[in-house]
N, C-alpha and C. Protein backbone atom coordinates (compact mmCIF):
# COMPACT_ATOMS: atom_id res chain seq x y z
N MET A 1 0.80 -1.20 0.00
CA MET A 1 0.00 0.00 0.00
C MET A 1 0.85 1.27 0.00
N PHE A 2 2.11 1.16 0.38
CA PHE A 2 2.99 2.33 0.42
C PHE A 2 3.83 2.42 -0.84
N THR A 3 4.24 3.62 -1.18
CA THR A 3 5.04 3.87 -2.37
C THR A 3 6.51 3.87 -2.01
N TYR A 4 7.32 3.25 -2.85
CA TYR A 4 8.77 3.31 -2.74
C TYR A 4 9.19 4.55 -3.56
N HIS A 5 9.31 5.67 -2.87
CA HIS A 5 9.54 6.94 -3.54
C HIS A 5 10.95 7.08 -4.10
N THR A 6 11.05 7.90 -5.11
CA THR A 6 12.31 8.35 -5.69
C THR A 6 12.33 9.87 -5.55
N THR A 7 13.41 10.49 -5.98
CA THR A 7 13.42 11.96 -5.93
C THR A 7 12.35 12.56 -6.83
N GLU A 8 11.92 11.82 -7.83
CA GLU A 8 10.87 12.32 -8.73
C GLU A 8 9.47 12.19 -8.15
N THR A 9 9.24 11.17 -7.32
CA THR A 9 7.88 10.94 -6.81
C THR A 9 7.67 11.42 -5.38
N ALA A 10 8.74 11.67 -4.66
CA ALA A 10 8.64 12.04 -3.24
C ALA A 10 8.07 13.44 -3.08
N PRO A 11 7.41 13.68 -1.94
CA PRO A 11 7.02 15.06 -1.63
C PRO A 11 8.26 15.95 -1.66
N GLU A 12 8.06 17.19 -1.99
CA GLU A 12 9.18 18.13 -2.16
C GLU A 12 10.12 18.14 -0.96
N LYS A 13 9.59 18.14 0.24
CA LYS A 13 10.43 18.20 1.44
C LYS A 13 11.27 16.94 1.64
N SER A 14 10.88 15.83 1.03
CA SER A 14 11.65 14.59 1.15
C SER A 14 12.69 14.43 0.05
N GLN A 15 12.59 15.20 -1.00
CA GLN A 15 13.52 15.04 -2.12
C GLN A 15 14.97 15.26 -1.69
N GLN A 16 15.21 16.26 -0.87
CA GLN A 16 16.57 16.52 -0.39
C GLN A 16 17.03 15.40 0.53
N LEU A 17 16.13 14.85 1.34
CA LEU A 17 16.48 13.75 2.24
C LEU A 17 16.87 12.51 1.45
N ILE A 18 16.16 12.23 0.38
CA ILE A 18 16.50 11.10 -0.48
C ILE A 18 17.88 11.33 -1.11
N ALA A 19 18.12 12.53 -1.57
CA ALA A 19 19.43 12.86 -2.16
C ALA A 19 20.54 12.69 -1.14
N GLN A 20 20.29 13.08 0.11
CA GLN A 20 21.30 12.91 1.17
C GLN A 20 21.55 11.43 1.45
N SER A 21 20.49 10.63 1.46
CA SER A 21 20.66 9.18 1.67
C SER A 21 21.52 8.59 0.56
N GLN A 22 21.23 8.97 -0.68
CA GLN A 22 21.99 8.47 -1.83
C GLN A 22 23.46 8.85 -1.71
N LYS A 23 23.71 10.10 -1.33
CA LYS A 23 25.09 10.59 -1.23
C LYS A 23 25.84 9.90 -0.09
N SER A 24 25.22 9.77 1.06
CA SER A 24 25.94 9.22 2.22
C SER A 24 26.07 7.70 2.19
N MET A 25 25.12 7.01 1.57
CA MET A 25 25.16 5.54 1.59
C MET A 25 25.43 4.91 0.23
N GLY A 26 25.33 5.70 -0.81
CA GLY A 26 25.51 5.14 -2.14
C GLY A 26 24.26 4.45 -2.67
N LEU A 27 23.20 4.47 -1.91
CA LEU A 27 21.92 3.91 -2.30
C LEU A 27 20.84 4.55 -1.46
N VAL A 28 19.61 4.37 -1.86
CA VAL A 28 18.48 4.84 -1.05
C VAL A 28 17.76 3.57 -0.58
N PRO A 29 17.97 3.20 0.69
CA PRO A 29 17.31 1.99 1.20
C PRO A 29 15.79 2.08 1.06
N ASN A 30 15.18 0.94 0.90
CA ASN A 30 13.72 0.89 0.77
C ASN A 30 13.02 1.55 1.95
N LEU A 31 13.57 1.40 3.15
CA LEU A 31 13.00 2.07 4.32
C LEU A 31 12.92 3.58 4.07
N HIS A 32 13.98 4.17 3.57
CA HIS A 32 14.01 5.60 3.31
C HIS A 32 13.02 5.98 2.22
N ARG A 33 12.88 5.13 1.24
CA ARG A 33 11.94 5.40 0.15
C ARG A 33 10.50 5.42 0.66
N ILE A 34 10.22 4.58 1.65
CA ILE A 34 8.88 4.57 2.25
C ILE A 34 8.71 5.77 3.18
N LEU A 35 9.73 6.05 4.00
CA LEU A 35 9.67 7.18 4.92
C LEU A 35 9.49 8.51 4.19
N ALA A 36 9.92 8.57 2.95
CA ALA A 36 9.80 9.80 2.17
C ALA A 36 8.35 10.26 2.05
N GLU A 37 7.41 9.38 2.25
CA GLU A 37 5.98 9.74 2.21
C GLU A 37 5.66 10.80 3.26
N ALA A 38 6.37 10.76 4.39
CA ALA A 38 6.13 11.68 5.50
C ALA A 38 7.44 12.39 5.83
N PRO A 39 7.71 13.53 5.24
CA PRO A 39 9.00 14.20 5.44
C PRO A 39 9.39 14.39 6.90
N ILE A 40 8.45 14.71 7.76
CA ILE A 40 8.79 14.92 9.17
C ILE A 40 9.29 13.62 9.82
N THR A 41 8.66 12.52 9.48
CA THR A 41 9.06 11.23 10.03
C THR A 41 10.43 10.83 9.50
N TYR A 42 10.65 11.04 8.23
CA TYR A 42 11.94 10.75 7.60
C TYR A 42 13.04 11.57 8.25
N GLU A 43 12.80 12.85 8.46
CA GLU A 43 13.81 13.73 9.04
C GLU A 43 14.10 13.36 10.50
N ILE A 44 13.07 13.07 11.26
CA ILE A 44 13.28 12.69 12.66
C ILE A 44 14.03 11.36 12.75
N TYR A 45 13.67 10.41 11.88
CA TYR A 45 14.39 9.14 11.86
C TYR A 45 15.87 9.37 11.57
N ASN A 46 16.15 10.13 10.50
CA ASN A 46 17.55 10.40 10.15
C ASN A 46 18.29 11.07 11.30
N SER A 47 17.64 12.01 11.98
CA SER A 47 18.28 12.71 13.09
C SER A 47 18.58 11.77 14.25
N ALA A 48 17.59 11.01 14.67
CA ALA A 48 17.80 10.10 15.81
C ALA A 48 18.85 9.04 15.48
N PHE A 49 18.74 8.45 14.31
CA PHE A 49 19.71 7.42 13.90
C PHE A 49 21.12 8.02 13.81
N GLY A 50 21.23 9.15 13.13
CA GLY A 50 22.53 9.77 12.94
C GLY A 50 23.17 10.23 14.23
N LEU A 51 22.39 10.87 15.09
CA LEU A 51 22.93 11.33 16.37
C LEU A 51 23.39 10.16 17.24
N PHE A 52 22.59 9.10 17.26
CA PHE A 52 22.98 7.93 18.06
C PHE A 52 24.29 7.34 17.54
N MET A 53 24.42 7.25 16.22
CA MET A 53 25.62 6.66 15.63
C MET A 53 26.85 7.58 15.78
N LYS A 54 26.67 8.89 15.65
CA LYS A 54 27.81 9.81 15.63
C LYS A 54 28.16 10.40 16.99
N GLU A 55 27.17 10.55 17.87
CA GLU A 55 27.43 11.31 19.08
C GLU A 55 27.17 10.58 20.39
N SER A 56 26.64 9.37 20.34
CA SER A 56 26.46 8.67 21.61
C SER A 56 27.82 8.22 22.12
N SER A 57 27.88 7.91 23.39
CA SER A 57 29.15 7.48 23.99
C SER A 57 29.36 5.98 23.87
N PHE A 58 28.48 5.29 23.15
CA PHE A 58 28.62 3.86 22.93
C PHE A 58 29.58 3.58 21.79
N SER A 59 30.27 2.45 21.88
CA SER A 59 31.12 2.00 20.77
C SER A 59 30.21 1.57 19.61
N PRO A 60 30.75 1.46 18.40
CA PRO A 60 29.93 0.98 17.29
C PRO A 60 29.28 -0.38 17.56
N LEU A 61 30.00 -1.28 18.21
CA LEU A 61 29.42 -2.58 18.53
C LEU A 61 28.27 -2.43 19.53
N GLU A 62 28.46 -1.60 20.55
CA GLU A 62 27.39 -1.37 21.53
C GLU A 62 26.17 -0.73 20.86
N GLN A 63 26.40 0.17 19.94
CA GLN A 63 25.28 0.77 19.22
C GLN A 63 24.48 -0.30 18.49
N GLN A 64 25.19 -1.21 17.86
CA GLN A 64 24.50 -2.28 17.13
C GLN A 64 23.77 -3.23 18.07
N VAL A 65 24.29 -3.42 19.27
CA VAL A 65 23.58 -4.24 20.26
C VAL A 65 22.23 -3.60 20.58
N VAL A 66 22.22 -2.29 20.78
CA VAL A 66 20.96 -1.59 21.05
C VAL A 66 20.02 -1.74 19.85
N PHE A 67 20.52 -1.44 18.66
CA PHE A 67 19.68 -1.52 17.46
C PHE A 67 19.15 -2.93 17.22
N MET A 68 20.04 -3.90 17.27
CA MET A 68 19.63 -5.28 16.96
C MET A 68 18.70 -5.85 18.04
N THR A 69 18.88 -5.44 19.28
CA THR A 69 17.96 -5.88 20.32
C THR A 69 16.55 -5.37 20.01
N ALA A 70 16.45 -4.11 19.64
CA ALA A 70 15.14 -3.56 19.27
C ALA A 70 14.60 -4.26 18.03
N ASN A 71 15.45 -4.47 17.03
CA ASN A 71 15.01 -5.14 15.81
C ASN A 71 14.42 -6.51 16.12
N TYR A 72 15.10 -7.25 16.99
CA TYR A 72 14.64 -8.59 17.36
C TYR A 72 13.33 -8.52 18.15
N GLU A 73 13.31 -7.70 19.18
CA GLU A 73 12.12 -7.61 20.03
C GLU A 73 10.91 -7.10 19.24
N ASN A 74 11.14 -6.23 18.26
CA ASN A 74 10.05 -5.70 17.44
C ASN A 74 9.80 -6.53 16.18
N ASN A 75 10.49 -7.66 16.06
CA ASN A 75 10.28 -8.61 14.97
C ASN A 75 10.40 -7.93 13.60
N CYS A 76 11.49 -7.20 13.40
CA CYS A 76 11.66 -6.43 12.17
C CYS A 76 12.36 -7.25 11.09
N HIS A 77 11.57 -7.74 10.16
CA HIS A 77 12.06 -8.55 9.04
C HIS A 77 13.00 -7.76 8.13
N TYR A 78 12.94 -6.46 8.17
CA TYR A 78 13.77 -5.60 7.32
C TYR A 78 15.07 -5.20 8.04
N CYS A 79 14.97 -4.77 9.28
CA CYS A 79 16.13 -4.22 9.98
C CYS A 79 17.13 -5.28 10.43
N ILE A 80 16.69 -6.48 10.76
CA ILE A 80 17.66 -7.53 11.13
C ILE A 80 18.61 -7.78 9.96
N PRO A 81 18.14 -8.01 8.75
CA PRO A 81 19.09 -8.19 7.64
C PRO A 81 19.95 -6.95 7.39
N GLY A 82 19.36 -5.76 7.48
CA GLY A 82 20.11 -4.54 7.24
C GLY A 82 21.23 -4.33 8.23
N HIS A 83 20.94 -4.55 9.50
CA HIS A 83 21.98 -4.37 10.52
C HIS A 83 22.96 -5.53 10.52
N THR A 84 22.53 -6.71 10.12
CA THR A 84 23.47 -7.82 9.96
C THR A 84 24.49 -7.45 8.90
N TRP A 85 24.01 -6.89 7.79
CA TRP A 85 24.89 -6.44 6.71
C TRP A 85 25.86 -5.39 7.24
N MET A 86 25.34 -4.41 8.01
CA MET A 86 26.19 -3.36 8.57
C MET A 86 27.26 -3.94 9.49
N MET A 87 26.86 -4.88 10.33
CA MET A 87 27.80 -5.47 11.29
C MET A 87 28.87 -6.28 10.57
N HIS A 88 28.48 -7.03 9.55
CA HIS A 88 29.48 -7.78 8.77
C HIS A 88 30.46 -6.85 8.09
N HIS A 89 29.97 -5.76 7.51
CA HIS A 89 30.85 -4.81 6.84
C HIS A 89 31.77 -4.07 7.80
N ALA A 90 31.41 -4.02 9.07
CA ALA A 90 32.25 -3.40 10.09
C ALA A 90 33.12 -4.44 10.80
N ASN A 91 33.10 -5.68 10.31
CA ASN A 91 33.91 -6.77 10.88
C ASN A 91 33.65 -6.98 12.37
N MET A 92 32.38 -6.91 12.75
CA MET A 92 32.01 -7.17 14.14
C MET A 92 31.96 -8.68 14.37
N PRO A 93 32.12 -9.11 15.62
CA PRO A 93 32.21 -10.55 15.91
C PRO A 93 30.98 -11.34 15.46
N GLU A 94 31.25 -12.38 14.71
CA GLU A 94 30.18 -13.24 14.17
C GLU A 94 29.32 -13.84 15.29
N GLU A 95 29.94 -14.21 16.40
CA GLU A 95 29.18 -14.83 17.49
C GLU A 95 28.20 -13.83 18.12
N VAL A 96 28.54 -12.55 18.12
CA VAL A 96 27.63 -11.52 18.63
C VAL A 96 26.49 -11.31 17.63
N ILE A 97 26.83 -11.26 16.35
CA ILE A 97 25.80 -11.09 15.32
C ILE A 97 24.78 -12.23 15.41
N GLU A 98 25.26 -13.44 15.46
CA GLU A 98 24.35 -14.60 15.48
C GLU A 98 23.52 -14.66 16.75
N ALA A 99 24.12 -14.31 17.89
CA ALA A 99 23.35 -14.29 19.14
C ALA A 99 22.23 -13.27 19.07
N LEU A 100 22.51 -12.10 18.51
CA LEU A 100 21.49 -11.06 18.38
C LEU A 100 20.39 -11.48 17.41
N ARG A 101 20.74 -12.15 16.33
CA ARG A 101 19.75 -12.61 15.34
C ARG A 101 18.86 -13.72 15.90
N GLU A 102 19.41 -14.51 16.81
CA GLU A 102 18.67 -15.67 17.33
C GLU A 102 18.04 -15.44 18.70
N GLY A 103 18.31 -14.29 19.30
CA GLY A 103 17.75 -14.02 20.62
C GLY A 103 18.45 -14.78 21.73
N ASN A 104 19.70 -15.11 21.51
CA ASN A 104 20.49 -15.86 22.48
C ASN A 104 21.36 -14.93 23.32
N PRO A 105 21.83 -15.39 24.48
CA PRO A 105 22.73 -14.56 25.29
C PRO A 105 24.00 -14.20 24.51
N LEU A 106 24.51 -13.01 24.76
CA LEU A 106 25.72 -12.56 24.09
C LEU A 106 26.95 -13.11 24.79
N PRO A 107 28.01 -13.39 24.05
CA PRO A 107 29.20 -14.00 24.66
C PRO A 107 30.00 -13.06 25.55
N ASP A 108 29.77 -11.76 25.45
CA ASP A 108 30.49 -10.79 26.26
C ASP A 108 29.58 -10.32 27.39
N PRO A 109 29.99 -10.47 28.66
CA PRO A 109 29.10 -10.14 29.79
C PRO A 109 28.62 -8.68 29.80
N LYS A 110 29.50 -7.74 29.47
CA LYS A 110 29.08 -6.33 29.48
C LYS A 110 28.07 -6.06 28.36
N LEU A 111 28.31 -6.61 27.18
CA LEU A 111 27.35 -6.45 26.09
C LEU A 111 26.01 -7.10 26.44
N GLN A 112 26.07 -8.21 27.17
CA GLN A 112 24.84 -8.88 27.58
C GLN A 112 24.02 -7.99 28.52
N VAL A 113 24.70 -7.25 29.39
CA VAL A 113 23.99 -6.32 30.28
C VAL A 113 23.31 -5.22 29.46
N LEU A 114 24.01 -4.70 28.46
CA LEU A 114 23.41 -3.69 27.58
C LEU A 114 22.22 -4.26 26.82
N HIS A 115 22.36 -5.47 26.34
CA HIS A 115 21.28 -6.16 25.64
C HIS A 115 20.05 -6.32 26.55
N GLU A 116 20.27 -6.79 27.76
CA GLU A 116 19.17 -6.99 28.71
C GLU A 116 18.52 -5.67 29.10
N PHE A 117 19.33 -4.65 29.32
CA PHE A 117 18.81 -3.34 29.67
C PHE A 117 17.91 -2.81 28.56
N THR A 118 18.39 -2.90 27.33
CA THR A 118 17.62 -2.45 26.17
C THR A 118 16.32 -3.24 26.05
N LYS A 119 16.42 -4.53 26.18
CA LYS A 119 15.25 -5.42 26.09
C LYS A 119 14.24 -5.08 27.19
N ASN A 120 14.73 -4.86 28.39
CA ASN A 120 13.84 -4.51 29.51
C ASN A 120 13.16 -3.17 29.28
N LEU A 121 13.90 -2.19 28.78
CA LEU A 121 13.28 -0.90 28.48
C LEU A 121 12.13 -1.06 27.50
N LEU A 122 12.35 -1.85 26.46
CA LEU A 122 11.30 -2.09 25.46
C LEU A 122 10.11 -2.83 26.06
N ASN A 123 10.40 -3.95 26.68
CA ASN A 123 9.31 -4.82 27.15
C ASN A 123 8.54 -4.25 28.32
N ASP A 124 9.23 -3.43 29.14
CA ASP A 124 8.56 -2.82 30.30
C ASP A 124 8.16 -1.38 30.05
N ARG A 125 8.25 -0.95 28.78
CA ARG A 125 7.86 0.40 28.36
C ARG A 125 8.54 1.48 29.21
N GLY A 126 9.82 1.21 29.55
CA GLY A 126 10.62 2.16 30.31
C GLY A 126 10.53 1.98 31.82
N HIS A 127 9.54 1.28 32.31
CA HIS A 127 9.32 1.11 33.76
C HIS A 127 10.13 -0.07 34.28
N ILE A 128 11.45 0.09 34.29
CA ILE A 128 12.32 -1.03 34.66
C ILE A 128 12.66 -1.09 36.14
N GLY A 129 12.48 -0.03 36.86
CA GLY A 129 12.79 -0.01 38.28
C GLY A 129 14.27 0.19 38.57
N ASN A 130 14.56 0.47 39.81
CA ASN A 130 15.93 0.79 40.23
C ASN A 130 16.87 -0.40 40.14
N GLU A 131 16.38 -1.60 40.40
CA GLU A 131 17.26 -2.78 40.41
C GLU A 131 17.86 -3.02 39.02
N LYS A 132 17.06 -2.95 37.97
CA LYS A 132 17.56 -3.17 36.61
C LYS A 132 18.46 -2.02 36.17
N LEU A 133 18.13 -0.81 36.58
CA LEU A 133 19.00 0.33 36.27
C LEU A 133 20.33 0.17 36.98
N GLU A 134 20.31 -0.23 38.24
CA GLU A 134 21.54 -0.41 39.00
C GLU A 134 22.41 -1.51 38.39
N SER A 135 21.80 -2.55 37.89
CA SER A 135 22.56 -3.62 37.22
C SER A 135 23.29 -3.07 36.01
N PHE A 136 22.64 -2.21 35.24
CA PHE A 136 23.23 -1.56 34.08
C PHE A 136 24.41 -0.68 34.51
N LEU A 137 24.20 0.13 35.54
CA LEU A 137 25.24 1.03 36.02
C LEU A 137 26.42 0.26 36.62
N SER A 138 26.13 -0.82 37.31
CA SER A 138 27.18 -1.64 37.93
C SER A 138 28.08 -2.33 36.91
N ALA A 139 27.57 -2.50 35.70
CA ALA A 139 28.36 -3.12 34.63
C ALA A 139 29.35 -2.14 34.01
N GLY A 140 29.30 -0.87 34.44
CA GLY A 140 30.23 0.11 33.92
C GLY A 140 29.61 1.11 32.96
N TYR A 141 28.31 1.04 32.79
CA TYR A 141 27.63 2.03 31.96
C TYR A 141 27.22 3.21 32.85
N SER A 142 26.87 4.32 32.22
CA SER A 142 26.54 5.54 32.96
C SER A 142 25.06 5.90 32.83
N LYS A 143 24.65 6.86 33.66
CA LYS A 143 23.28 7.37 33.55
C LYS A 143 23.07 8.03 32.19
N GLN A 144 24.10 8.72 31.71
CA GLN A 144 24.03 9.31 30.38
C GLN A 144 23.72 8.23 29.35
N GLN A 145 24.41 7.10 29.45
CA GLN A 145 24.20 6.03 28.48
C GLN A 145 22.81 5.40 28.63
N ALA A 146 22.30 5.37 29.85
CA ALA A 146 20.94 4.86 30.04
C ALA A 146 19.96 5.69 29.22
N LEU A 147 20.16 7.00 29.21
CA LEU A 147 19.30 7.88 28.42
C LEU A 147 19.63 7.81 26.94
N GLU A 148 20.89 7.62 26.60
CA GLU A 148 21.27 7.51 25.19
C GLU A 148 20.64 6.29 24.52
N VAL A 149 20.45 5.21 25.28
CA VAL A 149 19.77 4.04 24.72
C VAL A 149 18.41 4.44 24.16
N LEU A 150 17.76 5.39 24.82
CA LEU A 150 16.44 5.84 24.36
C LEU A 150 16.51 6.48 22.98
N THR A 151 17.62 7.14 22.66
CA THR A 151 17.77 7.72 21.33
C THR A 151 17.84 6.62 20.27
N GLY A 152 18.60 5.59 20.56
CA GLY A 152 18.65 4.45 19.65
C GLY A 152 17.29 3.80 19.50
N LEU A 153 16.57 3.69 20.61
CA LEU A 153 15.23 3.09 20.55
C LEU A 153 14.23 3.97 19.81
N ALA A 154 14.41 5.29 19.89
CA ALA A 154 13.52 6.20 19.15
C ALA A 154 13.69 5.97 17.65
N ALA A 155 14.93 5.85 17.20
CA ALA A 155 15.17 5.56 15.78
C ALA A 155 14.58 4.22 15.40
N LYS A 156 14.73 3.25 16.25
CA LYS A 156 14.23 1.90 15.95
C LYS A 156 12.71 1.84 16.00
N LEU A 157 12.07 2.60 16.86
CA LEU A 157 10.61 2.63 16.85
C LEU A 157 10.12 3.08 15.48
N ILE A 158 10.72 4.13 14.96
CA ILE A 158 10.30 4.64 13.65
C ILE A 158 10.58 3.61 12.56
N SER A 159 11.79 3.06 12.53
CA SER A 159 12.11 2.13 11.44
C SER A 159 11.39 0.80 11.59
N ASN A 160 11.41 0.21 12.77
CA ASN A 160 10.76 -1.09 12.96
C ASN A 160 9.26 -1.02 12.70
N PHE A 161 8.62 0.02 13.21
CA PHE A 161 7.17 0.14 13.04
C PHE A 161 6.80 0.50 11.60
N THR A 162 7.63 1.32 10.95
CA THR A 162 7.39 1.63 9.54
C THR A 162 7.45 0.35 8.71
N ASN A 163 8.46 -0.46 8.96
CA ASN A 163 8.61 -1.70 8.19
C ASN A 163 7.48 -2.69 8.46
N ALA A 164 6.99 -2.72 9.68
CA ALA A 164 5.84 -3.59 9.99
C ALA A 164 4.59 -3.07 9.28
N LEU A 165 4.38 -1.76 9.35
CA LEU A 165 3.21 -1.14 8.75
C LEU A 165 3.22 -1.29 7.23
N ALA A 166 4.38 -1.07 6.62
CA ALA A 166 4.48 -1.05 5.16
C ALA A 166 4.87 -2.39 4.55
N GLY A 167 5.32 -3.34 5.37
CA GLY A 167 5.81 -4.60 4.80
C GLY A 167 6.99 -4.36 3.88
N THR A 168 7.90 -3.49 4.30
CA THR A 168 9.03 -3.06 3.47
C THR A 168 9.84 -4.25 2.96
N GLU A 169 10.06 -4.26 1.66
CA GLU A 169 10.86 -5.31 1.02
C GLU A 169 12.33 -5.07 1.32
N PRO A 170 13.06 -6.08 1.83
CA PRO A 170 14.49 -5.90 2.07
C PRO A 170 15.24 -5.54 0.78
N ASP A 171 16.23 -4.70 0.92
CA ASP A 171 17.06 -4.29 -0.22
C ASP A 171 17.88 -5.49 -0.70
N ASP A 172 18.23 -5.46 -1.98
CA ASP A 172 19.00 -6.56 -2.56
C ASP A 172 20.28 -6.84 -1.78
N ALA A 173 20.97 -5.78 -1.33
CA ALA A 173 22.23 -5.95 -0.61
C ALA A 173 22.05 -6.73 0.70
N PHE A 174 20.85 -6.69 1.27
CA PHE A 174 20.61 -7.32 2.57
C PHE A 174 19.93 -8.69 2.47
N LYS A 175 19.45 -9.05 1.30
CA LYS A 175 18.64 -10.28 1.16
C LYS A 175 19.39 -11.53 1.57
N GLN A 176 20.70 -11.53 1.43
CA GLN A 176 21.46 -12.72 1.84
C GLN A 176 21.36 -12.97 3.35
N TYR A 177 20.93 -11.95 4.09
CA TYR A 177 20.79 -12.08 5.54
C TYR A 177 19.32 -12.12 5.96
N SER A 178 18.46 -12.56 5.06
CA SER A 178 17.02 -12.58 5.37
C SER A 178 16.79 -13.29 6.70
N TRP A 179 15.69 -12.93 7.34
CA TRP A 179 15.48 -13.37 8.72
C TRP A 179 14.00 -13.54 9.02
N THR A 180 13.71 -14.57 9.76
CA THR A 180 12.39 -14.79 10.32
C THR A 180 12.59 -14.99 11.81
N HIS A 181 11.77 -14.35 12.61
CA HIS A 181 11.87 -14.50 14.07
C HIS A 181 11.79 -15.97 14.44
N PRO A 182 12.63 -16.43 15.37
CA PRO A 182 12.60 -17.85 15.76
C PRO A 182 11.21 -18.34 16.18
N ALA A 183 10.40 -17.49 16.75
CA ALA A 183 9.05 -17.90 17.15
C ALA A 183 8.15 -18.19 15.95
N ASN A 184 8.54 -17.69 14.78
CA ASN A 184 7.72 -17.87 13.58
C ASN A 184 8.29 -18.88 12.60
N ARG A 185 9.34 -19.60 13.00
CA ARG A 185 9.97 -20.58 12.10
C ARG A 185 9.27 -21.91 12.20
């Protein structure tokens, strides 16, 4: 039901955003083509995603743990392959990638704490209580990082829910990493 927009078909305010996606990534992902329908949503998604990636205090691997945890919990058929592709291209550990794709514990204890914290925030709608927050802080993360996770989750809410709503077709580059939630196999 949704249109995969191009610079020719997108609303005027989204045309520049599509051009920026093309320039920065070398392609316009199908998610971006769908988001172009609503320029404000596209812009907010780009801002949240970009700020989390460029300015959060998390390492690139930790950022992907936050993103992939949300992708898994939100059953995103589009984002799991996309982030798997990103993680492979960044030479991130295969055992971490596979654990995140399968919903299994992560091999690194600190990353596992971040994974659990992110999962708890999602599943408990932020109402995690002091004990779970203290567990996160005791693992060496900060209060700043507790709030930064929310920025990653804001980007993922937009992308995961857009893909569920639109049934976004995975891009050709990501199809080799196609994914079905283990509960649906």
